[in-house]
Amino acid sequence: MKVVRINDNVSLRYIEMDKLKTTSVSVFIHRPLTDADASYNALLPMVLKSGTELCPDRAAIAKYLDNLYGASMGVATMKCGEDQVMYFDAETISDKYAPEGEPLVADLLRLLMSVLFAPKAAGGAFDEKTTEIEKKNAINKILAFINDKRQYASTRCQQETARGTAFAINRLGDEKRINEITAARLYEYYRSIITSSVIDIYICGSTDIDQAAAAVREYTDKLEFTAAQLPKTDILSRPDGDIHQVKEEMDVAQGKLAMGFITNTRPTDPDYDALVVFNSVFGAGAHSKLFNNVREKLSLAYYAASQLERFKGMIVVNAGIEFENFQKAYDETLVQLEEIRKGNISEHEFTSSKIAIINNYKSFYDDQRAMASTNMMNRVAGNERTVEEMTAAIEKVTVEDVVAVSKKLQLDTSYFLKGKEAE
């Protein structure tokens, strides 16, 4: 990866990938996750992508992208621990495949930089109609999240496990707060953060990096930036005590069990890769103990899996169950954890886990967006490594390493989403 420092806040990271005929550009704006700002950060990318000085409306943006041989652009909001990330993503064919030798990537970057640094605004406000439309879209995303009960239960368990910390804040914001945002307030907020945030630009594919950097500087050199730092996140740490039990009732036909474990392992710790392998053995795949025992052998769940949240140091087990199977599924999950702690890990479980992780890492070579996101998240975690380095670290993990890291886990939270008529 070649890194070009545009200024104290903005960096351009070029990962050359010749396997595909396209080149992707990913822009990440990092902001501290707070109650006051989360809704603004969720809404802002949606408004910014709707019009710029270069392309004043959606139609003009669509035409610009079409002229780049069908290029695409989208936005999202991510959460990396307590770093709320505004994500701008675009893709075009690589310069070397341009029919007339056009600098397609540089032109795509100009559009993205216009979105970031020269949005359409007048009278100290974004376009009011556009803002209102995007507010409705942002609220619809929140409602869609609530309607996806599997995702909802998992997120609620994460929030309860991280209670008392900023990580518990929803990355999508809050419906009430979004409703209160005006076009003028959103523009004022934009002005306050755009030159005082860390901004990472990743180019994955093939291009002239100096030409790309020049396209970025066309916009950034006109502005005065205030030096910023990446938002910091620390892992959870609590003394052993009673399990935090949470039950919610909704109109659901299937119960959702979620169990939040504190890992006591940072992404920068020497045993972090052992934790990744542990999670795979425990519940991340069809080879795992949760899948083969809780789901297949005992038929206690429609699905049973574990998910590692490395930034905050937690693992969440998720299971879809019949309401009456709550205690059985809960108990069996702890039985399978204890099996790992005893060293009862089969060769198939261990080998399959490592192969699954390594294959996932290697798949990044075929997915430019995943390559950019992974490198960005490693940077936020303070553990910047290449895919080769990540793979080599997994290969070195032993069964004994997995057993040792499993003994650091603490069950902190039990979450149960049940039907209103269930006892």
Protein backbone atom coordinates (compact mmCIF):
# COMPACT_ATOMS: atom_id res chain seq x y z
CA MET A 1 0.00 0.00 0.00
CA LYS A 2 1.32 3.41 -0.98
CA VAL A 3 0.28 6.27 1.29
CA VAL A 4 0.14 9.90 0.11
CA ARG A 5 -0.37 12.48 2.84
CA ILE A 6 -2.58 15.21 1.42
CA ASN A 7 -2.52 17.21 4.69
CA ASP A 8 -2.64 16.54 8.44
CA ASN A 9 -6.18 15.11 8.20
CA VAL A 10 -6.53 13.70 4.70
CA SER A 11 -4.58 10.70 3.44
CA LEU A 12 -4.72 8.82 0.14
CA ARG A 13 -3.98 5.09 0.33
CA TYR A 14 -3.37 3.20 -2.88
CA ILE A 15 -3.64 -0.60 -2.97
CA GLU A 16 -2.71 -1.82 -6.44
CA MET A 17 -4.96 -4.69 -7.54
CA ASP A 18 -4.59 -5.83 -11.15
CA LYS A 19 -6.87 -8.86 -10.94
CA LEU A 20 -10.05 -6.93 -11.75
CA LYS A 21 -10.79 -4.50 -14.56
CA THR A 22 -12.37 -1.96 -12.21
CA THR A 23 -10.99 0.45 -9.63
CA SER A 24 -12.87 1.42 -6.49
CA VAL A 25 -12.54 4.60 -4.44
CA SER A 26 -13.61 4.48 -0.79
CA VAL A 27 -13.72 7.58 1.38
CA PHE A 28 -14.07 7.30 5.16
CA ILE A 29 -14.78 10.30 7.40
CA HIS A 30 -14.15 9.44 11.05
CA ARG A 31 -16.22 11.03 13.83
CA PRO A 32 -16.54 10.26 17.56
CA LEU A 33 -19.79 8.37 18.23
CA THR A 34 -21.97 10.60 20.43
CA ASP A 35 -25.68 10.96 21.17
CA ALA A 36 -25.66 14.55 19.96
CA ASP A 37 -23.99 13.85 16.60
CA ALA A 38 -24.95 10.29 15.62
CA SER A 39 -28.12 11.30 13.78
CA TYR A 40 -26.30 14.09 11.93
CA ASN A 41 -23.59 11.67 10.81
CA ALA A 42 -26.20 9.16 9.65
CA LEU A 43 -28.09 11.76 7.61
CA LEU A 44 -25.24 13.89 6.25
CA PRO A 45 -23.81 11.45 3.62
CA MET A 46 -27.28 10.95 2.16
CA VAL A 47 -27.74 14.70 1.65
CA LEU A 48 -24.19 15.28 0.38
CA LYS A 49 -24.56 12.71 -2.41
CA SER A 50 -27.67 14.49 -3.74
CA GLY A 51 -26.00 17.55 -5.25
CA THR A 52 -22.70 19.41 -5.56
CA GLU A 53 -21.30 22.50 -7.22
CA LEU A 54 -19.93 20.20 -9.93
CA CYS A 55 -23.21 18.30 -10.35
CA PRO A 56 -26.11 20.28 -8.84
CA ASP A 57 -28.68 17.48 -8.67
CA ARG A 58 -29.18 13.72 -8.90
CA ALA A 59 -29.72 13.84 -12.64
CA ALA A 60 -26.43 15.67 -13.19
CA ILE A 61 -24.60 13.20 -10.93
CA ALA A 62 -26.12 10.26 -12.83
CA LYS A 63 -25.03 11.78 -16.15
CA TYR A 64 -21.51 12.40 -14.82
CA LEU A 65 -21.25 8.76 -13.71
CA ASP A 66 -22.62 7.52 -17.03
CA ASN A 67 -19.92 9.49 -18.84
CA LEU A 68 -17.38 7.50 -16.83
CA TYR A 69 -18.65 4.36 -18.57
CA GLY A 70 -21.31 3.50 -16.05
CA ALA A 71 -19.46 4.35 -12.84
CA SER A 72 -21.36 4.01 -9.56
CA MET A 73 -21.47 5.89 -6.26
CA GLY A 74 -23.13 5.18 -2.90
CA VAL A 75 -22.99 6.15 0.76
CA ALA A 76 -23.42 4.49 4.14
CA THR A 77 -22.70 4.97 7.83
CA MET A 78 -20.51 2.46 9.69
CA LYS A 79 -19.47 1.95 13.28
CA CYS A 80 -15.96 0.84 14.23
CA GLY A 81 -16.12 0.73 17.99
CA GLU A 82 -16.79 4.30 19.06
CA ASP A 83 -15.72 5.68 15.69
CA GLN A 84 -18.77 6.54 13.58
CA VAL A 85 -17.63 6.43 9.97
CA MET A 86 -19.32 8.18 7.07
CA TYR A 87 -18.60 6.02 4.04
CA PHE A 88 -18.57 7.16 0.40
CA ASP A 89 -18.01 4.46 -2.18
CA ALA A 90 -17.50 4.70 -5.94
CA GLU A 91 -16.27 2.49 -8.76
CA THR A 92 -15.31 2.81 -12.42
CA ILE A 93 -13.36 0.82 -14.98
CA SER A 94 -9.60 1.13 -14.55
CA ASP A 95 -7.76 3.82 -16.48
CA LYS A 96 -5.85 1.32 -18.61
CA TYR A 97 -9.13 0.02 -20.02
CA ALA A 98 -10.50 3.47 -20.88
CA PRO A 99 -11.30 3.49 -24.64
CA GLU A 100 -9.85 6.97 -25.18
CA GLY A 101 -7.23 6.84 -22.44
CA GLU A 102 -9.34 9.05 -20.14
CA PRO A 103 -8.21 9.54 -16.51
CA LEU A 104 -11.38 7.89 -15.19
CA VAL A 105 -10.25 7.41 -11.59
CA ALA A 106 -9.11 11.02 -11.26
CA ASP A 107 -12.42 12.21 -12.72
CA LEU A 108 -14.32 9.97 -10.30
CA LEU A 109 -12.27 11.42 -7.45
CA ARG A 110 -13.22 14.93 -8.55
CA LEU A 111 -16.87 14.03 -8.17
CA LEU A 112 -16.27 12.53 -4.72
CA MET A 113 -14.23 15.53 -3.60
CA SER A 114 -17.00 17.80 -4.84
CA VAL A 115 -19.47 15.78 -2.78
CA LEU A 116 -17.28 16.19 0.30
CA PHE A 117 -15.91 19.70 -0.04
CA ALA A 118 -18.23 21.55 -2.43
CA PRO A 119 -21.79 20.38 -1.78
CA LYS A 120 -24.82 22.20 -3.12
CA ALA A 121 -25.94 24.80 -0.56
CA ALA A 122 -27.38 28.31 -0.54
CA GLY A 123 -28.12 30.86 2.16
CA GLY A 124 -26.27 28.87 4.81
CA ALA A 125 -28.35 25.73 4.30
CA PHE A 126 -28.63 22.57 2.25
CA ASP A 127 -31.57 22.27 -0.10
CA GLU A 128 -34.62 21.96 2.13
CA LYS A 129 -36.58 19.59 -0.10
CA THR A 130 -33.61 17.26 -0.49
CA THR A 131 -32.98 17.29 3.26
CA GLU A 132 -36.59 16.36 4.03
CA ILE A 133 -36.52 13.49 1.51
CA GLU A 134 -33.29 12.11 2.96
CA LYS A 135 -34.62 12.46 6.51
CA LYS A 136 -37.46 10.12 5.56
CA ASN A 137 -34.97 7.72 3.98
CA ALA A 138 -32.81 7.79 7.12
CA ILE A 139 -35.82 7.03 9.32
CA ASN A 140 -36.84 4.21 6.99
CA LYS A 141 -33.41 2.65 7.53
CA ILE A 142 -33.99 2.71 11.29
CA LEU A 143 -37.42 1.10 10.88
CA ALA A 144 -36.00 -1.55 8.53
CA PHE A 145 -33.36 -2.36 11.13
CA ILE A 146 -36.06 -2.82 13.80
CA ASN A 147 -38.05 -5.08 11.45
CA ASP A 148 -35.05 -7.36 10.92
CA LYS A 149 -35.44 -9.14 14.25
CA ARG A 150 -32.26 -11.22 13.95
CA GLN A 151 -30.12 -8.13 13.41
CA TYR A 152 -32.15 -6.18 15.96
CA ALA A 153 -31.65 -8.76 18.74
CA SER A 154 -27.93 -9.04 18.05
CA THR A 155 -27.49 -5.26 18.09
CA ARG A 156 -29.58 -4.88 21.24
CA CYS A 157 -27.40 -7.44 22.98
CA GLN A 158 -24.29 -5.55 21.89
CA GLN A 159 -25.78 -2.33 23.21
CA GLU A 160 -26.67 -3.91 26.56
CA THR A 161 -23.25 -5.55 26.87
CA ALA A 162 -21.67 -2.15 26.15
CA ARG A 163 -24.08 -0.29 28.45
CA GLY A 164 -22.70 2.95 29.81
CA THR A 165 -20.38 3.46 26.82
CA ALA A 166 -20.75 5.34 23.56
CA PHE A 167 -20.74 2.03 21.67
CA ALA A 168 -24.35 1.53 22.76
CA ILE A 169 -25.44 4.39 20.45
CA ASN A 170 -27.13 3.31 17.21
CA ARG A 171 -25.00 4.11 14.14
CA LEU A 172 -28.21 4.91 12.24
CA GLY A 173 -29.14 7.64 14.69
CA ASP A 174 -32.45 8.24 16.43
CA GLU A 175 -35.80 8.86 14.73
CA LYS A 176 -36.74 11.77 17.01
CA ARG A 177 -33.38 13.50 16.58
CA ILE A 178 -33.44 13.05 12.81
CA ASN A 179 -36.89 14.61 12.65
CA GLU A 180 -35.56 17.67 14.49
CA ILE A 181 -32.69 18.29 12.04
CA THR A 182 -33.21 21.20 9.64
CA ALA A 183 -31.40 21.92 6.39
CA ALA A 184 -29.67 24.88 8.06
CA ARG A 185 -28.61 22.92 11.16
CA LEU A 186 -27.25 20.09 9.03
CA TYR A 187 -25.20 22.51 6.92
CA GLU A 188 -23.88 24.21 10.05
CA TYR A 189 -22.85 20.82 11.39
CA TYR A 190 -21.22 19.91 8.08
CA ARG A 191 -19.19 23.10 8.11
CA SER A 192 -18.04 22.40 11.66
CA ILE A 193 -16.67 18.91 10.96
CA ILE A 194 -15.54 18.64 7.34
CA THR A 195 -12.13 20.24 7.89
CA SER A 196 -11.66 18.93 11.45
CA SER A 197 -12.04 15.18 10.85
CA VAL A 198 -9.67 12.43 9.81
CA ILE A 199 -10.49 11.48 6.22
CA ASP A 200 -9.07 8.32 4.64
CA ILE A 201 -9.30 7.82 0.88
CA TYR A 202 -8.58 4.32 -0.41
CA ILE A 203 -8.04 3.52 -4.07
CA CYS A 204 -8.08 -0.20 -4.84
CA GLY A 205 -7.29 -1.20 -8.41
CA SER A 206 -5.08 0.43 -11.01
CA THR A 207 -4.44 4.12 -11.58
CA ASP A 208 -1.82 6.86 -11.66
CA ILE A 209 -1.57 7.71 -7.97
CA ASP A 210 0.05 11.11 -8.60
CA GLN A 211 -2.81 12.04 -10.94
CA ALA A 212 -5.31 10.87 -8.31
CA ALA A 213 -3.60 12.90 -5.57
CA ALA A 214 -3.72 16.00 -7.78
CA ALA A 215 -7.49 15.56 -8.19
CA VAL A 216 -7.87 15.48 -4.40
CA ARG A 217 -5.67 18.52 -3.89
CA GLU A 218 -7.78 20.54 -6.34
CA TYR A 219 -10.33 20.70 -3.54
CA THR A 220 -8.36 20.33 -0.30
CA ASP A 221 -5.74 22.97 -1.11
CA LYS A 222 -8.48 25.61 -1.07
CA LEU A 223 -9.42 24.82 2.53
CA GLU A 224 -7.86 25.31 5.94
CA PHE A 225 -7.89 22.16 8.09
CA THR A 226 -7.70 21.76 11.85
CA ALA A 227 -5.58 18.75 12.83
CA ALA A 228 -7.68 15.81 14.06
CA GLN A 229 -7.11 12.34 15.50
CA LEU A 230 -8.87 9.04 14.92
CA PRO A 231 -11.58 8.47 17.56
CA LYS A 232 -10.38 6.01 20.20
CA THR A 233 -12.16 2.94 21.54
CA ASP A 234 -11.19 0.74 24.47
CA ILE A 235 -12.46 -2.76 25.09
CA LEU A 236 -14.98 -3.53 27.80
CA SER A 237 -13.71 -4.48 31.24
CA ARG A 238 -15.94 -5.43 34.16
CA PRO A 239 -15.47 -7.43 37.36
CA ASP A 240 -17.28 -10.76 37.51
CA GLY A 241 -20.82 -10.42 38.82
CA ASP A 242 -24.43 -11.24 38.13
CA ILE A 243 -25.42 -11.71 34.52
CA HIS A 244 -27.15 -8.63 33.09
CA GLN A 245 -30.52 -10.01 31.99
CA VAL A 246 -32.70 -8.23 29.45
CA LYS A 247 -36.05 -9.38 28.05
CA GLU A 248 -38.09 -7.60 25.42
CA GLU A 249 -41.49 -8.41 23.97
CA MET A 250 -42.54 -7.84 20.37
CA ASP A 251 -45.00 -9.35 17.95
CA VAL A 252 -42.67 -12.18 16.86
CA ALA A 253 -43.33 -15.85 16.13
CA GLN A 254 -39.74 -16.90 16.84
CA GLY A 255 -37.70 -16.08 19.91
CA LYS A 256 -34.26 -14.50 19.65
CA LEU A 257 -31.61 -15.42 22.20
CA ALA A 258 -28.44 -13.36 22.33
CA MET A 259 -25.59 -13.73 24.82
CA GLY A 260 -22.90 -11.09 25.19
CA PHE A 261 -19.43 -12.19 26.28
CA ILE A 262 -16.58 -9.85 27.18
CA THR A 263 -13.36 -11.12 25.55
CA ASN A 264 -10.78 -9.15 27.59
CA THR A 265 -8.66 -9.18 24.42
CA ARG A 266 -7.66 -6.13 22.38
CA PRO A 267 -7.08 -6.24 18.61
CA THR A 268 -3.44 -5.36 19.33
CA ASP A 269 -2.90 -8.18 21.88
CA PRO A 270 -0.65 -11.12 20.96
CA ASP A 271 -3.55 -13.56 21.42
CA TYR A 272 -6.03 -11.67 19.23
CA ASP A 273 -5.62 -14.07 16.32
CA ALA A 274 -6.28 -16.97 18.68
CA LEU A 275 -9.54 -15.20 19.59
CA VAL A 276 -10.47 -15.04 15.89
CA VAL A 277 -9.91 -18.80 15.60
CA PHE A 278 -11.82 -19.41 18.85
CA ASN A 279 -14.82 -17.51 17.50
CA SER A 280 -14.80 -19.67 14.38
CA VAL A 281 -14.58 -22.90 16.40
CA PHE A 282 -17.31 -21.66 18.75
CA GLY A 283 -19.93 -20.41 16.33
CA ALA A 284 -18.77 -18.85 13.06
CA GLY A 285 -19.65 -21.42 10.44
CA ALA A 286 -21.16 -24.82 9.64
CA HIS A 287 -18.10 -26.49 11.19
CA SER A 288 -18.62 -24.81 14.59
CA LYS A 289 -19.77 -26.23 17.90
CA LEU A 290 -22.87 -24.04 18.14
CA PHE A 291 -24.03 -24.97 14.66
CA ASN A 292 -23.45 -28.70 15.04
CA ASN A 293 -24.69 -29.09 18.59
CA VAL A 294 -27.21 -26.37 19.48
CA ARG A 295 -28.75 -26.35 15.99
CA GLU A 296 -28.12 -29.71 14.33
CA LYS A 297 -27.71 -32.35 17.04
CA LEU A 298 -30.13 -31.01 19.66
CA SER A 299 -32.45 -29.03 17.35
CA LEU A 300 -32.67 -26.21 19.89
CA ALA A 301 -32.34 -23.41 17.37
CA TYR A 302 -33.18 -22.46 13.80
CA TYR A 303 -29.79 -20.78 13.66
CA ALA A 304 -26.96 -20.51 16.19
CA ALA A 305 -23.83 -18.48 15.58
CA SER A 306 -21.27 -16.25 17.27
CA GLN A 307 -20.02 -12.86 16.14
CA LEU A 308 -16.78 -11.13 17.19
CA GLU A 309 -16.87 -7.38 17.80
CA ARG A 310 -13.15 -6.72 18.06
CA PHE A 311 -13.20 -2.98 18.69
CA LYS A 312 -15.16 -3.23 21.92
CA GLY A 313 -13.91 -6.67 22.96
CA MET A 314 -17.08 -8.73 22.84
CA ILE A 315 -18.50 -11.86 21.29
CA VAL A 316 -22.26 -12.14 20.82
CA VAL A 317 -23.99 -15.49 20.37
CA ASN A 318 -27.22 -15.30 18.38
CA ALA A 319 -29.89 -18.01 18.14
CA GLY A 320 -33.39 -18.17 16.74
CA ILE A 321 -35.43 -20.42 19.03
CA GLU A 322 -38.88 -21.52 20.10
CA PHE A 323 -39.85 -19.48 23.15
CA GLU A 324 -39.88 -22.54 25.42
CA ASN A 325 -36.30 -23.49 24.43
CA PHE A 326 -34.69 -20.38 25.91
CA GLN A 327 -33.09 -22.05 28.93
CA LYS A 328 -32.02 -25.17 27.04
CA ALA A 329 -30.33 -23.15 24.28
CA TYR A 330 -28.75 -20.83 26.84
CA ASP A 331 -27.36 -23.74 28.88
CA GLU A 332 -26.10 -25.64 25.84
CA THR A 333 -24.23 -22.56 24.59
CA LEU A 334 -22.31 -22.51 27.87
CA VAL A 335 -21.71 -26.26 27.61
CA GLN A 336 -20.05 -25.77 24.21
CA LEU A 337 -17.89 -22.95 25.58
CA GLU A 338 -16.80 -25.24 28.41
CA GLU A 339 -15.93 -27.98 25.88
CA ILE A 340 -13.49 -25.57 24.22
CA ARG A 341 -12.04 -24.58 27.58
CA LYS A 342 -11.40 -28.26 28.30
CA GLY A 343 -9.54 -28.61 25.02
CA ASN A 344 -12.22 -30.77 23.41
CA ILE A 345 -11.70 -29.39 19.93
CA SER A 346 -11.71 -31.87 17.09
CA GLU A 347 -9.19 -31.77 14.25
CA HIS A 348 -12.07 -31.05 11.86
CA GLU A 349 -13.33 -28.11 13.95
CA PHE A 350 -9.87 -26.61 14.32
CA THR A 351 -8.66 -27.10 10.74
CA SER A 352 -11.97 -26.02 9.20
CA SER A 353 -11.97 -22.88 11.34
CA LYS A 354 -8.51 -21.81 10.20
CA ILE A 355 -9.26 -22.62 6.56
CA ALA A 356 -12.50 -20.60 6.69
CA ILE A 357 -10.72 -17.56 8.15
CA ILE A 358 -7.82 -17.74 5.70
CA ASN A 359 -10.15 -18.20 2.72
CA ASN A 360 -12.09 -15.17 3.87
CA TYR A 361 -8.91 -13.12 4.05
CA LYS A 362 -7.82 -14.28 0.60
CA SER A 363 -11.22 -13.37 -0.84
CA PHE A 364 -10.28 -9.72 -0.31
CA TYR A 365 -8.10 -10.01 -3.43
CA ASP A 366 -11.37 -10.37 -5.39
CA ASP A 367 -13.26 -7.67 -3.51
CA GLN A 368 -11.83 -4.17 -3.65
CA ARG A 369 -14.39 -2.74 -1.24
CA ALA A 370 -13.64 -5.43 1.33
CA MET A 371 -9.92 -4.76 0.90
CA ALA A 372 -10.42 -1.04 1.56
CA SER A 373 -12.78 -1.57 4.51
CA THR A 374 -10.51 -4.17 6.13
CA ASN A 375 -7.45 -1.94 5.85
CA MET A 376 -9.42 1.00 7.25
CA MET A 377 -10.72 -1.05 10.19
CA ASN A 378 -7.24 -2.41 10.92
CA ARG A 379 -6.02 1.19 11.02
CA VAL A 380 -8.77 2.17 13.47
CA ALA A 381 -7.98 -0.90 15.60
CA GLY A 382 -4.31 0.11 15.72
CA ASN A 383 -3.26 -3.13 14.05
CA GLU A 384 -2.43 -2.32 10.44
CA ARG A 385 -1.44 -5.53 8.68
CA THR A 386 -1.44 -6.86 5.14
CA VAL A 387 -3.59 -9.80 4.15
CA GLU A 388 -0.42 -11.89 4.02
CA GLU A 389 0.47 -10.92 7.59
CA MET A 390 -3.06 -11.63 8.81
CA THR A 391 -3.01 -15.03 7.12
CA ALA A 392 0.39 -15.95 8.54
CA ALA A 393 -0.77 -15.04 12.05
CA ILE A 394 -3.81 -17.34 11.78
CA GLU A 395 -1.66 -20.19 10.50
CA LYS A 396 0.50 -19.98 13.65
CA VAL A 397 -2.42 -20.32 16.09
CA THR A 398 -2.49 -23.61 18.02
CA VAL A 399 -5.25 -25.46 19.83
CA GLU A 400 -3.57 -24.50 23.08
CA ASP A 401 -3.76 -20.84 22.09
CA VAL A 402 -7.50 -21.18 21.46
CA VAL A 403 -8.07 -22.89 24.80
CA ALA A 404 -6.12 -20.19 26.62
CA VAL A 405 -8.00 -17.28 25.03
CA SER A 406 -11.37 -18.99 25.63
CA LYS A 407 -10.71 -18.91 29.37
CA LYS A 408 -10.61 -15.09 29.27
CA LEU A 409 -14.25 -14.83 28.20
CA GLN A 410 -16.85 -13.56 30.69
CA LEU A 411 -20.57 -13.94 30.11
CA ASP A 412 -21.93 -10.46 30.77
CA THR A 413 -25.39 -10.17 29.19
CA SER A 414 -28.34 -12.41 28.39
CA TYR A 415 -30.88 -10.94 25.96
CA PHE A 416 -34.20 -12.56 25.01
CA LEU A 417 -36.66 -11.22 22.47
CA LYS A 418 -39.95 -13.06 22.84
CA GLY A 419 -43.54 -12.84 21.67
CA LYS A 420 -46.07 -10.88 23.66
CA GLU A 421 -48.11 -13.98 24.39
CA ALA A 422 -45.12 -16.13 25.41
CA GLU A 423 -44.59 -16.96 29.07
